[in-house]
ModelCIF file with pLDDT and N, C-alpha, C, O atoms, coordinates in Angstrom:
data_MODEL
#
_entry.id   MODEL 
#
_entity.id                         1 
_entity.type                       polymer 
_entity.pdbx_number_of_molecules   1 
#
_entity_poly.entity_id                      1 
_entity_poly.type                           'polypeptide(L)' 
_entity_poly.nstd_linkage                   no 
_entity_poly.nstd_monomer                   no 
_entity_poly.pdbx_seq_one_letter_code       TTPQFYSASFLGDICEVVDHVGGRYPEANLYAVGWSL 
_entity_poly.pdbx_seq_one_letter_code_can   TTPQFYSASFLGDICEVVDHVGGRYPEANLYAVGWSL 
_entity_poly.pdbx_strand_id                 A 
#
loop_
_entity_poly_seq.entity_id 
_entity_poly_seq.num 
_entity_poly_seq.mon_id 
_entity_poly_seq.hetero 
1 1  THR n 
1 2  THR n 
1 3  PRO n 
1 4  GLN n 
1 5  PHE n 
1 6  TYR n 
1 7  SER n 
1 8  ALA n 
1 9  SER n 
1 10 PHE n 
1 11 LEU n 
1 12 GLY n 
1 13 ASP n 
1 14 ILE n 
1 15 CYS n 
1 16 GLU n 
1 17 VAL n 
1 18 VAL n 
1 19 ASP n 
1 20 HIS n 
1 21 VAL n 
1 22 GLY n 
1 23 GLY n 
1 24 ARG n 
1 25 TYR n 
1 26 PRO n 
1 27 GLU n 
1 28 ALA n 
1 29 ASN n 
1 30 LEU n 
1 31 TYR n 
1 32 ALA n 
1 33 VAL n 
1 34 GLY n 
1 35 TRP n 
1 36 SER n 
1 37 LEU n 
#
_struct_asym.id          A 
_struct_asym.entity_id   1 
#
loop_
_ma_qa_metric.id 
_ma_qa_metric.mode 
_ma_qa_metric.name 
_ma_qa_metric.software_group_id 
_ma_qa_metric.type 
1 global pLDDT . pLDDT 
2 local  pLDDT . pLDDT 
#
_ma_qa_metric_global.metric_id      1 
_ma_qa_metric_global.metric_value   96.76 
_ma_qa_metric_global.model_id       1 
_ma_qa_metric_global.ordinal_id     1 
#
loop_
_ma_qa_metric_local.label_asym_id 
_ma_qa_metric_local.label_comp_id 
_ma_qa_metric_local.label_seq_id 
_ma_qa_metric_local.metric_id 
_ma_qa_metric_local.metric_value 
_ma_qa_metric_local.model_id 
_ma_qa_metric_local.ordinal_id 
A THR 1  2 94.00 1 1  
A THR 2  2 94.00 1 2  
A PRO 3  2 93.00 1 3  
A GLN 4  2 91.00 1 4  
A PHE 5  2 89.00 1 5  
A TYR 6  2 90.00 1 6  
A SER 7  2 96.00 1 7  
A ALA 8  2 97.00 1 8  
A SER 9  2 96.00 1 9  
A PHE 10 2 96.00 1 10 
A LEU 11 2 98.00 1 11 
A GLY 12 2 97.00 1 12 
A ASP 13 2 98.00 1 13 
A ILE 14 2 98.00 1 14 
A CYS 15 2 98.00 1 15 
A GLU 16 2 98.00 1 16 
A VAL 17 2 98.00 1 17 
A VAL 18 2 98.00 1 18 
A ASP 19 2 98.00 1 19 
A HIS 20 2 98.00 1 20 
A VAL 21 2 98.00 1 21 
A GLY 22 2 98.00 1 22 
A GLY 23 2 98.00 1 23 
A ARG 24 2 98.00 1 24 
A TYR 25 2 98.00 1 25 
A PRO 26 2 98.00 1 26 
A GLU 27 2 97.00 1 27 
A ALA 28 2 98.00 1 28 
A ASN 29 2 98.00 1 29 
A LEU 30 2 98.00 1 30 
A TYR 31 2 98.00 1 31 
A ALA 32 2 98.00 1 32 
A VAL 33 2 98.00 1 33 
A GLY 34 2 98.00 1 34 
A TRP 35 2 98.00 1 35 
A SER 36 2 98.00 1 36 
A LEU 37 2 98.00 1 37 
#
loop_
_atom_site.group_PDB 
_atom_site.id 
_atom_site.type_symbol 
_atom_site.label_atom_id 
_atom_site.label_alt_id 
_atom_site.label_comp_id 
_atom_site.label_asym_id 
_atom_site.label_entity_id 
_atom_site.label_seq_id 
_atom_site.pdbx_PDB_ins_code 
_atom_site.Cartn_x 
_atom_site.Cartn_y 
_atom_site.Cartn_z 
_atom_site.occupancy 
_atom_site.B_iso_or_equiv 
_atom_site.pdbx_formal_charge 
_atom_site.auth_seq_id 
_atom_site.auth_comp_id 
_atom_site.auth_asym_id 
_atom_site.auth_atom_id 
_atom_site.pdbx_PDB_model_num 
ATOM 1   N N  . THR A 1 1  ? -121.608 73.618  77.450 1.00 94.00 ? 1  THR A N  1 
ATOM 2   C CA . THR A 1 1  ? -122.681 74.162  76.788 1.00 94.00 ? 1  THR A CA 1 
ATOM 3   C C  . THR A 1 1  ? -122.770 73.065  75.273 1.00 94.00 ? 1  THR A C  1 
ATOM 4   O O  . THR A 1 1  ? -123.662 72.961  74.430 1.00 94.00 ? 1  THR A O  1 
ATOM 5   N N  . THR A 1 2  ? -121.459 72.375  75.405 1.00 94.00 ? 2  THR A N  1 
ATOM 6   C CA . THR A 1 2  ? -121.230 71.350  74.044 1.00 94.00 ? 2  THR A CA 1 
ATOM 7   C C  . THR A 1 2  ? -120.451 70.890  74.407 1.00 94.00 ? 2  THR A C  1 
ATOM 8   O O  . THR A 1 2  ? -119.659 71.403  75.197 1.00 94.00 ? 2  THR A O  1 
ATOM 9   N N  . PRO A 1 3  ? -120.364 69.296  73.787 1.00 93.00 ? 3  PRO A N  1 
ATOM 10  C CA . PRO A 1 3  ? -119.776 68.325  74.117 1.00 93.00 ? 3  PRO A CA 1 
ATOM 11  C C  . PRO A 1 3  ? -117.757 68.890  73.452 1.00 93.00 ? 3  PRO A C  1 
ATOM 12  O O  . PRO A 1 3  ? -117.047 68.665  72.472 1.00 93.00 ? 3  PRO A O  1 
ATOM 13  N N  . GLN A 1 4  ? -117.693 69.425  74.341 1.00 91.00 ? 4  GLN A N  1 
ATOM 14  C CA . GLN A 1 4  ? -116.358 69.757  73.701 1.00 91.00 ? 4  GLN A CA 1 
ATOM 15  C C  . GLN A 1 4  ? -115.448 70.997  74.863 1.00 91.00 ? 4  GLN A C  1 
ATOM 16  O O  . GLN A 1 4  ? -115.386 72.072  74.268 1.00 91.00 ? 4  GLN A O  1 
ATOM 17  N N  . PHE A 1 5  ? -114.998 71.059  75.813 1.00 89.00 ? 5  PHE A N  1 
ATOM 18  C CA . PHE A 1 5  ? -113.892 71.476  76.387 1.00 89.00 ? 5  PHE A CA 1 
ATOM 19  C C  . PHE A 1 5  ? -112.525 72.419  76.100 1.00 89.00 ? 5  PHE A C  1 
ATOM 20  O O  . PHE A 1 5  ? -111.886 71.942  75.162 1.00 89.00 ? 5  PHE A O  1 
ATOM 21  N N  . TYR A 1 6  ? -112.041 73.378  76.544 1.00 90.00 ? 6  TYR A N  1 
ATOM 22  C CA . TYR A 1 6  ? -111.033 73.801  76.155 1.00 90.00 ? 6  TYR A CA 1 
ATOM 23  C C  . TYR A 1 6  ? -109.568 73.232  75.749 1.00 90.00 ? 6  TYR A C  1 
ATOM 24  O O  . TYR A 1 6  ? -109.450 72.232  76.456 1.00 90.00 ? 6  TYR A O  1 
ATOM 25  N N  . SER A 1 7  ? -108.524 73.351  75.053 1.00 96.00 ? 7  SER A N  1 
ATOM 26  C CA . SER A 1 7  ? -107.383 72.480  74.844 1.00 96.00 ? 7  SER A CA 1 
ATOM 27  C C  . SER A 1 7  ? -106.176 73.505  74.605 1.00 96.00 ? 7  SER A C  1 
ATOM 28  O O  . SER A 1 7  ? -106.567 74.662  74.455 1.00 96.00 ? 7  SER A O  1 
ATOM 29  N N  . ALA A 1 8  ? -104.976 73.347  74.547 1.00 97.00 ? 8  ALA A N  1 
ATOM 30  C CA . ALA A 1 8  ? -103.814 73.734  74.460 1.00 97.00 ? 8  ALA A CA 1 
ATOM 31  C C  . ALA A 1 8  ? -103.886 74.167  73.161 1.00 97.00 ? 8  ALA A C  1 
ATOM 32  O O  . ALA A 1 8  ? -103.218 75.161  72.877 1.00 97.00 ? 8  ALA A O  1 
ATOM 33  N N  . SER A 1 9  ? -104.595 73.607  72.247 1.00 96.00 ? 9  SER A N  1 
ATOM 34  C CA . SER A 1 9  ? -104.067 73.792  71.204 1.00 96.00 ? 9  SER A CA 1 
ATOM 35  C C  . SER A 1 9  ? -105.333 74.646  70.374 1.00 96.00 ? 9  SER A C  1 
ATOM 36  O O  . SER A 1 9  ? -105.108 75.324  69.372 1.00 96.00 ? 9  SER A O  1 
ATOM 37  N N  . PHE A 1 10 ? -106.584 74.492  70.939 1.00 96.00 ? 10 PHE A N  1 
ATOM 38  C CA . PHE A 1 10 ? -107.653 75.226  70.571 1.00 96.00 ? 10 PHE A CA 1 
ATOM 39  C C  . PHE A 1 10 ? -107.649 76.655  70.893 1.00 96.00 ? 10 PHE A C  1 
ATOM 40  O O  . PHE A 1 10 ? -107.995 77.042  72.010 1.00 96.00 ? 10 PHE A O  1 
ATOM 41  N N  . LEU A 1 11 ? -107.067 77.899  69.462 1.00 98.00 ? 11 LEU A N  1 
ATOM 42  C CA . LEU A 1 11 ? -107.421 79.427  69.559 1.00 98.00 ? 11 LEU A CA 1 
ATOM 43  C C  . LEU A 1 11 ? -108.537 80.300  70.035 1.00 98.00 ? 11 LEU A C  1 
ATOM 44  O O  . LEU A 1 11 ? -108.531 81.316  70.730 1.00 98.00 ? 11 LEU A O  1 
ATOM 45  N N  . GLY A 1 12 ? -109.795 79.406  69.291 1.00 97.00 ? 12 GLY A N  1 
ATOM 46  C CA . GLY A 1 12 ? -111.300 80.104  69.024 1.00 97.00 ? 12 GLY A CA 1 
ATOM 47  C C  . GLY A 1 12 ? -111.268 80.797  69.954 1.00 97.00 ? 12 GLY A C  1 
ATOM 48  O O  . GLY A 1 12 ? -110.969 81.990  69.913 1.00 97.00 ? 12 GLY A O  1 
ATOM 49  N N  . ASP A 1 13 ? -111.649 80.003  71.213 1.00 98.00 ? 13 ASP A N  1 
ATOM 50  C CA . ASP A 1 13 ? -111.871 80.923  71.848 1.00 98.00 ? 13 ASP A CA 1 
ATOM 51  C C  . ASP A 1 13 ? -111.385 82.635  72.683 1.00 98.00 ? 13 ASP A C  1 
ATOM 52  O O  . ASP A 1 13 ? -112.097 83.599  72.963 1.00 98.00 ? 13 ASP A O  1 
ATOM 53  N N  . ILE A 1 14 ? -109.880 82.400  72.874 1.00 98.00 ? 14 ILE A N  1 
ATOM 54  C CA . ILE A 1 14 ? -109.244 83.358  72.876 1.00 98.00 ? 14 ILE A CA 1 
ATOM 55  C C  . ILE A 1 14 ? -109.565 84.518  71.504 1.00 98.00 ? 14 ILE A C  1 
ATOM 56  O O  . ILE A 1 14 ? -109.694 85.735  71.639 1.00 98.00 ? 14 ILE A O  1 
ATOM 57  N N  . CYS A 1 15 ? -109.608 84.089  70.779 1.00 98.00 ? 15 CYS A N  1 
ATOM 58  C CA . CYS A 1 15 ? -109.857 84.998  69.682 1.00 98.00 ? 15 CYS A CA 1 
ATOM 59  C C  . CYS A 1 15 ? -110.979 85.517  69.687 1.00 98.00 ? 15 CYS A C  1 
ATOM 60  O O  . CYS A 1 15 ? -110.999 86.680  69.284 1.00 98.00 ? 15 CYS A O  1 
ATOM 61  N N  . GLU A 1 16 ? -111.994 85.052  70.019 1.00 98.00 ? 16 GLU A N  1 
ATOM 62  C CA . GLU A 1 16 ? -113.153 85.730  70.176 1.00 98.00 ? 16 GLU A CA 1 
ATOM 63  C C  . GLU A 1 16 ? -113.215 86.791  71.058 1.00 98.00 ? 16 GLU A C  1 
ATOM 64  O O  . GLU A 1 16 ? -113.520 87.953  70.791 1.00 98.00 ? 16 GLU A O  1 
ATOM 65  N N  . VAL A 1 17 ? -112.879 86.277  72.221 1.00 98.00 ? 17 VAL A N  1 
ATOM 66  C CA . VAL A 1 17 ? -112.328 87.063  73.836 1.00 98.00 ? 17 VAL A CA 1 
ATOM 67  C C  . VAL A 1 17 ? -112.400 88.162  72.863 1.00 98.00 ? 17 VAL A C  1 
ATOM 68  O O  . VAL A 1 17 ? -113.275 88.944  72.491 1.00 98.00 ? 17 VAL A O  1 
ATOM 69  N N  . VAL A 1 18 ? -110.590 87.838  72.452 1.00 98.00 ? 18 VAL A N  1 
ATOM 70  C CA . VAL A 1 18 ? -110.553 89.732  72.022 1.00 98.00 ? 18 VAL A CA 1 
ATOM 71  C C  . VAL A 1 18 ? -111.001 90.664  71.542 1.00 98.00 ? 18 VAL A C  1 
ATOM 72  O O  . VAL A 1 18 ? -111.078 91.831  71.926 1.00 98.00 ? 18 VAL A O  1 
ATOM 73  N N  . ASP A 1 19 ? -111.415 90.011  70.400 1.00 98.00 ? 19 ASP A N  1 
ATOM 74  C CA . ASP A 1 19 ? -112.520 90.619  69.451 1.00 98.00 ? 19 ASP A CA 1 
ATOM 75  C C  . ASP A 1 19 ? -113.664 91.253  70.310 1.00 98.00 ? 19 ASP A C  1 
ATOM 76  O O  . ASP A 1 19 ? -114.084 92.401  70.163 1.00 98.00 ? 19 ASP A O  1 
ATOM 77  N N  . HIS A 1 20 ? -113.988 90.592  70.977 1.00 98.00 ? 20 HIS A N  1 
ATOM 78  C CA . HIS A 1 20 ? -115.698 90.823  71.923 1.00 98.00 ? 20 HIS A CA 1 
ATOM 79  C C  . HIS A 1 20 ? -115.028 91.899  72.882 1.00 98.00 ? 20 HIS A C  1 
ATOM 80  O O  . HIS A 1 20 ? -116.039 92.537  73.177 1.00 98.00 ? 20 HIS A O  1 
ATOM 81  N N  . VAL A 1 21 ? -113.957 92.537  73.583 1.00 98.00 ? 21 VAL A N  1 
ATOM 82  C CA . VAL A 1 21 ? -113.425 92.967  74.730 1.00 98.00 ? 21 VAL A CA 1 
ATOM 83  C C  . VAL A 1 21 ? -113.142 94.104  73.702 1.00 98.00 ? 21 VAL A C  1 
ATOM 84  O O  . VAL A 1 21 ? -113.885 95.078  73.823 1.00 98.00 ? 21 VAL A O  1 
ATOM 85  N N  . GLY A 1 22 ? -112.194 94.164  72.702 1.00 98.00 ? 22 GLY A N  1 
ATOM 86  C CA . GLY A 1 22 ? -112.008 94.987  71.767 1.00 98.00 ? 22 GLY A CA 1 
ATOM 87  C C  . GLY A 1 22 ? -113.258 95.875  71.205 1.00 98.00 ? 22 GLY A C  1 
ATOM 88  O O  . GLY A 1 22 ? -113.430 97.079  71.398 1.00 98.00 ? 22 GLY A O  1 
ATOM 89  N N  . GLY A 1 23 ? -113.921 95.161  70.610 1.00 98.00 ? 23 GLY A N  1 
ATOM 90  C CA . GLY A 1 23 ? -115.025 95.818  70.326 1.00 98.00 ? 23 GLY A CA 1 
ATOM 91  C C  . GLY A 1 23 ? -115.940 97.084  71.031 1.00 98.00 ? 23 GLY A C  1 
ATOM 92  O O  . GLY A 1 23 ? -116.159 98.248  70.697 1.00 98.00 ? 23 GLY A O  1 
ATOM 93  N N  . ARG A 1 24 ? -116.348 96.245  72.163 1.00 98.00 ? 24 ARG A N  1 
ATOM 94  C CA . ARG A 1 24 ? -116.505 96.763  73.314 1.00 98.00 ? 24 ARG A CA 1 
ATOM 95  C C  . ARG A 1 24 ? -116.237 98.195  74.017 1.00 98.00 ? 24 ARG A C  1 
ATOM 96  O O  . ARG A 1 24 ? -117.002 98.985  74.570 1.00 98.00 ? 24 ARG A O  1 
ATOM 97  N N  . TYR A 1 25 ? -114.660 98.215  73.743 1.00 98.00 ? 25 TYR A N  1 
ATOM 98  C CA . TYR A 1 25 ? -113.917 99.444  74.228 1.00 98.00 ? 25 TYR A CA 1 
ATOM 99  C C  . TYR A 1 25 ? -112.907 99.491  72.854 1.00 98.00 ? 25 TYR A C  1 
ATOM 100 O O  . TYR A 1 25 ? -112.056 98.762  72.344 1.00 98.00 ? 25 TYR A O  1 
ATOM 101 N N  . PRO A 1 26 ? -113.488 100.697 72.604 1.00 98.00 ? 26 PRO A N  1 
ATOM 102 C CA . PRO A 1 26 ? -112.939 100.168 70.418 1.00 98.00 ? 26 PRO A CA 1 
ATOM 103 C C  . PRO A 1 26 ? -111.581 101.086 70.996 1.00 98.00 ? 26 PRO A C  1 
ATOM 104 O O  . PRO A 1 26 ? -110.565 100.549 70.554 1.00 98.00 ? 26 PRO A O  1 
ATOM 105 N N  . GLU A 1 27 ? -111.265 102.208 71.781 1.00 97.00 ? 27 GLU A N  1 
ATOM 106 C CA . GLU A 1 27 ? -110.788 103.152 72.237 1.00 97.00 ? 27 GLU A CA 1 
ATOM 107 C C  . GLU A 1 27 ? -108.908 103.044 73.743 1.00 97.00 ? 27 GLU A C  1 
ATOM 108 O O  . GLU A 1 27 ? -107.948 103.679 74.180 1.00 97.00 ? 27 GLU A O  1 
ATOM 109 N N  . ALA A 1 28 ? -109.690 101.654 73.807 1.00 98.00 ? 28 ALA A N  1 
ATOM 110 C CA . ALA A 1 28 ? -108.527 101.276 74.648 1.00 98.00 ? 28 ALA A CA 1 
ATOM 111 C C  . ALA A 1 28 ? -107.414 100.463 73.976 1.00 98.00 ? 28 ALA A C  1 
ATOM 112 O O  . ALA A 1 28 ? -107.539 99.970  72.855 1.00 98.00 ? 28 ALA A O  1 
ATOM 113 N N  . ASN A 1 29 ? -106.433 100.368 74.657 1.00 98.00 ? 29 ASN A N  1 
ATOM 114 C CA . ASN A 1 29 ? -105.434 99.865  74.087 1.00 98.00 ? 29 ASN A CA 1 
ATOM 115 C C  . ASN A 1 29 ? -105.016 98.081  75.029 1.00 98.00 ? 29 ASN A C  1 
ATOM 116 O O  . ASN A 1 29 ? -104.747 98.085  76.231 1.00 98.00 ? 29 ASN A O  1 
ATOM 117 N N  . LEU A 1 30 ? -105.042 96.945  74.317 1.00 98.00 ? 30 LEU A N  1 
ATOM 118 C CA . LEU A 1 30 ? -105.632 95.826  75.216 1.00 98.00 ? 30 LEU A CA 1 
ATOM 119 C C  . LEU A 1 30 ? -104.398 94.903  75.451 1.00 98.00 ? 30 LEU A C  1 
ATOM 120 O O  . LEU A 1 30 ? -103.941 94.418  74.416 1.00 98.00 ? 30 LEU A O  1 
ATOM 121 N N  . TYR A 1 31 ? -103.902 94.637  76.373 1.00 98.00 ? 31 TYR A N  1 
ATOM 122 C CA . TYR A 1 31 ? -102.985 93.180  76.697 1.00 98.00 ? 31 TYR A CA 1 
ATOM 123 C C  . TYR A 1 31 ? -104.025 92.243  77.369 1.00 98.00 ? 31 TYR A C  1 
ATOM 124 O O  . TYR A 1 31 ? -105.223 92.116  77.621 1.00 98.00 ? 31 TYR A O  1 
ATOM 125 N N  . ALA A 1 32 ? -102.438 91.497  77.536 1.00 98.00 ? 32 ALA A N  1 
ATOM 126 C CA . ALA A 1 32 ? -103.473 89.955  78.101 1.00 98.00 ? 32 ALA A CA 1 
ATOM 127 C C  . ALA A 1 32 ? -102.013 89.373  79.242 1.00 98.00 ? 32 ALA A C  1 
ATOM 128 O O  . ALA A 1 32 ? -100.839 89.652  78.998 1.00 98.00 ? 32 ALA A O  1 
ATOM 129 N N  . VAL A 1 33 ? -102.313 88.840  80.023 1.00 98.00 ? 33 VAL A N  1 
ATOM 130 C CA . VAL A 1 33 ? -100.992 87.758  80.867 1.00 98.00 ? 33 VAL A CA 1 
ATOM 131 C C  . VAL A 1 33 ? -102.175 86.658  81.082 1.00 98.00 ? 33 VAL A C  1 
ATOM 132 O O  . VAL A 1 33 ? -103.379 86.588  81.328 1.00 98.00 ? 33 VAL A O  1 
ATOM 133 N N  . GLY A 1 34 ? -100.945 85.780  80.807 1.00 98.00 ? 34 GLY A N  1 
ATOM 134 C CA . GLY A 1 34 ? -101.275 84.178  81.346 1.00 98.00 ? 34 GLY A CA 1 
ATOM 135 C C  . GLY A 1 34 ? -100.657 83.634  81.599 1.00 98.00 ? 34 GLY A C  1 
ATOM 136 O O  . GLY A 1 34 ? -99.489  83.416  81.275 1.00 98.00 ? 34 GLY A O  1 
ATOM 137 N N  . TRP A 1 35 ? -101.553 83.139  82.505 1.00 98.00 ? 35 TRP A N  1 
ATOM 138 C CA . TRP A 1 35 ? -99.938  81.712  83.512 1.00 98.00 ? 35 TRP A CA 1 
ATOM 139 C C  . TRP A 1 35 ? -100.422 80.543  83.280 1.00 98.00 ? 35 TRP A C  1 
ATOM 140 O O  . TRP A 1 35 ? -101.624 80.381  83.070 1.00 98.00 ? 35 TRP A O  1 
ATOM 141 N N  . SER A 1 36 ? -99.547  79.561  83.286 1.00 98.00 ? 36 SER A N  1 
ATOM 142 C CA . SER A 1 36 ? -99.034  77.883  82.815 1.00 98.00 ? 36 SER A CA 1 
ATOM 143 C C  . SER A 1 36 ? -99.696  78.003  81.673 1.00 98.00 ? 36 SER A C  1 
ATOM 144 O O  . SER A 1 36 ? -99.466  78.866  80.826 1.00 98.00 ? 36 SER A O  1 
ATOM 145 N N  . LEU A 1 37 ? -100.938 76.736  81.576 1.00 98.00 ? 37 LEU A N  1 
ATOM 146 C CA . LEU A 1 37 ? -101.193 76.674  80.614 1.00 98.00 ? 37 LEU A CA 1 
ATOM 147 C C  . LEU A 1 37 ? -102.005 77.497  79.408 1.00 98.00 ? 37 LEU A C  1 
ATOM 148 O O  . LEU A 1 37 ? -102.083 77.017  78.278 1.00 98.00 ? 37 LEU A O  1 
#
């Protein structure tokens, strides 16, 4: 929706995703698994 893709350098989106899901489930412990990039 904007003239910008994601990249290996950009951490803004993952920060917002972690904050979003953490805010939705505040009682849950959060973990992550990533592959390749």
